[in-house]
């Protein structure tokens, strides 16, 4: 409903948001989950930025930073680029 009213695709629910153990969930539960996903993404972006700075300063290698984020080097490089452009 929010996606339709606002035209914002971030409100497009996935199957996990619509049902919980086969039962429908309330709109409040859906919004809480969407908000938590946003918080998690913000935290992850912050961690990527912090590790990118450590790589830039020569404290960590790219491989070490990627490992600490649980990513491949290629994925970490892409994430660094995405964070830098936002």
C-alpha atoms as a PDB file:
ATOM      1  CA  UNK A   1       0.000   0.000   0.000  1.00  0.00           C
ATOM      2  CA  UNK A   2       2.771   2.476   0.880  1.00  0.00           C
ATOM      3  CA  UNK A   3       4.526   1.687  -2.390  1.00  0.00           C
ATOM      4  CA  UNK A   4       1.380   2.591  -4.302  1.00  0.00           C
ATOM      5  CA  UNK A   5       0.690   5.758  -2.313  1.00  0.00           C
ATOM      6  CA  UNK A   6       4.254   7.071  -2.346  1.00  0.00           C
ATOM      7  CA  UNK A   7       5.586   5.555  -5.556  1.00  0.00           C
ATOM      8  CA  UNK A   8       8.647   4.506  -3.551  1.00  0.00           C
ATOM      9  CA  UNK A   9       9.902   1.017  -4.449  1.00  0.00           C
ATOM     10  CA  UNK A  10      11.603   0.529  -1.075  1.00  0.00           C
ATOM     11  CA  UNK A  11       8.148  -0.253   0.297  1.00  0.00           C
ATOM     12  CA  UNK A  12       7.775  -3.268  -1.993  1.00  0.00           C
ATOM     13  CA  UNK A  13       7.378  -6.132   0.453  1.00  0.00           C
ATOM     14  CA  UNK A  14       9.004  -9.482  -0.082  1.00  0.00           C
ATOM     15  CA  UNK A  15       7.385 -12.776   0.876  1.00  0.00           C
ATOM     16  CA  UNK A  16       9.096 -12.767   4.287  1.00  0.00           C
ATOM     17  CA  UNK A  17       7.396  -9.489   5.144  1.00  0.00           C
ATOM     18  CA  UNK A  18       3.893 -10.527   4.131  1.00  0.00           C
ATOM     19  CA  UNK A  19       3.683 -13.819   6.002  1.00  0.00           C
ATOM     20  CA  UNK A  20       5.125 -15.127   9.225  1.00  0.00           C
ATOM     21  CA  UNK A  21       4.868 -18.907   9.557  1.00  0.00           C
ATOM     22  CA  UNK A  22       2.104 -18.922   6.955  1.00  0.00           C
ATOM     23  CA  UNK A  23       0.016 -16.308   8.769  1.00  0.00           C
ATOM     24  CA  UNK A  24      -0.502 -12.720   7.581  1.00  0.00           C
ATOM     25  CA  UNK A  25       1.311 -10.023   9.550  1.00  0.00           C
ATOM     26  CA  UNK A  26       0.050  -6.595  10.525  1.00  0.00           C
ATOM     27  CA  UNK A  27       1.114  -3.407   8.759  1.00  0.00           C
ATOM     28  CA  UNK A  28       2.972  -2.341  11.910  1.00  0.00           C
ATOM     29  CA  UNK A  29       5.068  -5.506  11.775  1.00  0.00           C
ATOM     30  CA  UNK A  30       5.827  -4.912   8.091  1.00  0.00           C
ATOM     31  CA  UNK A  31       6.902  -1.311   8.749  1.00  0.00           C
ATOM     32  CA  UNK A  32       9.068  -2.390  11.690  1.00  0.00           C
ATOM     33  CA  UNK A  33      10.822  -4.921   9.480  1.00  0.00           C
ATOM     34  CA  UNK A  34      11.325  -2.385   6.682  1.00  0.00           C
ATOM     35  CA  UNK A  35      12.735   0.115   9.168  1.00  0.00           C
ATOM     36  CA  UNK A  36      15.078  -2.512  10.631  1.00  0.00           C
ATOM     37  CA  UNK A  37      16.334  -3.397   7.158  1.00  0.00           C
ATOM     38  CA  UNK A  38      17.142   0.284   6.636  1.00  0.00           C
ATOM     39  CA  UNK A  39      18.998   0.463   9.939  1.00  0.00           C
ATOM     40  CA  UNK A  40      20.951  -2.686   9.093  1.00  0.00           C
ATOM     41  CA  UNK A  41      21.892  -1.272   5.683  1.00  0.00           C
ATOM     42  CA  UNK A  42      22.979   1.992   7.311  1.00  0.00           C
ATOM     43  CA  UNK A  43      25.146   0.133   9.796  1.00  0.00           C
ATOM     44  CA  UNK A  44      26.656  -1.961   7.013  1.00  0.00           C
ATOM     45  CA  UNK A  45      27.426   1.157   4.957  1.00  0.00           C
ATOM     46  CA  UNK A  46      29.080   2.698   8.006  1.00  0.00           C
ATOM     47  CA  UNK A  47      31.197  -0.398   8.534  1.00  0.00           C
ATOM     48  CA  UNK A  48      32.211  -0.449   4.864  1.00  0.00           C
ATOM     49  CA  UNK A  49      33.190   3.227   5.061  1.00  0.00           C
ATOM     50  CA  UNK A  50      35.234   2.600   8.198  1.00  0.00           C
ATOM     51  CA  UNK A  51      37.053  -0.373   6.706  1.00  0.00           C
ATOM     52  CA  UNK A  52      37.613   1.550   3.469  1.00  0.00           C
ATOM     53  CA  UNK A  53      39.326   4.298   5.471  1.00  0.00           C
ATOM     54  CA  UNK A  54      41.514   1.713   7.204  1.00  0.00           C
ATOM     55  CA  UNK A  55      42.499   0.327   3.793  1.00  0.00           C
ATOM     56  CA  UNK A  56      43.158   3.834   2.472  1.00  0.00           C
ATOM     57  CA  UNK A  57      45.381   4.580   5.490  1.00  0.00           C
ATOM     58  CA  UNK A  58      47.305   1.331   4.988  1.00  0.00           C
ATOM     59  CA  UNK A  59      46.204  -0.160   8.309  1.00  0.00           C
ATOM     60  CA  UNK A  60      44.350  -3.059   6.661  1.00  0.00           C
ATOM     61  CA  UNK A  61      44.780  -4.707   3.283  1.00  0.00           C
ATOM     62  CA  UNK A  62      41.821  -4.893   0.960  1.00  0.00           C
ATOM     63  CA  UNK A  63      41.686  -8.636   1.578  1.00  0.00           C
ATOM     64  CA  UNK A  64      41.652  -8.198   5.371  1.00  0.00           C
ATOM     65  CA  UNK A  65      38.857  -5.627   5.207  1.00  0.00           C
ATOM     66  CA  UNK A  66      36.796  -7.837   2.900  1.00  0.00           C
ATOM     67  CA  UNK A  67      37.269 -10.817   5.214  1.00  0.00           C
ATOM     68  CA  UNK A  68      36.150  -8.791   8.233  1.00  0.00           C
ATOM     69  CA  UNK A  69      33.002  -7.807   6.331  1.00  0.00           C
ATOM     70  CA  UNK A  70      32.428 -11.422   5.261  1.00  0.00           C
ATOM     71  CA  UNK A  71      32.753 -10.472   1.594  1.00  0.00           C
ATOM     72  CA  UNK A  72      34.930 -11.341  -1.339  1.00  0.00           C
ATOM     73  CA  UNK A  73      37.473  -8.714  -2.353  1.00  0.00           C
ATOM     74  CA  UNK A  74      35.477  -7.993  -5.519  1.00  0.00           C
ATOM     75  CA  UNK A  75      32.236  -7.536  -3.563  1.00  0.00           C
ATOM     76  CA  UNK A  76      33.966  -5.319  -1.002  1.00  0.00           C
ATOM     77  CA  UNK A  77      35.463  -3.142  -3.771  1.00  0.00           C
ATOM     78  CA  UNK A  78      32.008  -2.756  -5.323  1.00  0.00           C
ATOM     79  CA  UNK A  79      30.503  -1.908  -1.929  1.00  0.00           C
ATOM     80  CA  UNK A  80      33.253   0.694  -1.316  1.00  0.00           C
ATOM     81  CA  UNK A  81      32.506   2.264  -4.684  1.00  0.00           C
ATOM     82  CA  UNK A  82      28.758   2.322  -3.960  1.00  0.00           C
ATOM     83  CA  UNK A  83      29.248   3.901  -0.526  1.00  0.00           C
ATOM     84  CA  UNK A  84      31.628   6.501  -1.971  1.00  0.00           C
ATOM     85  CA  UNK A  85      29.086   7.600  -4.588  1.00  0.00           C
ATOM     86  CA  UNK A  86      26.208   7.952  -2.107  1.00  0.00           C
END
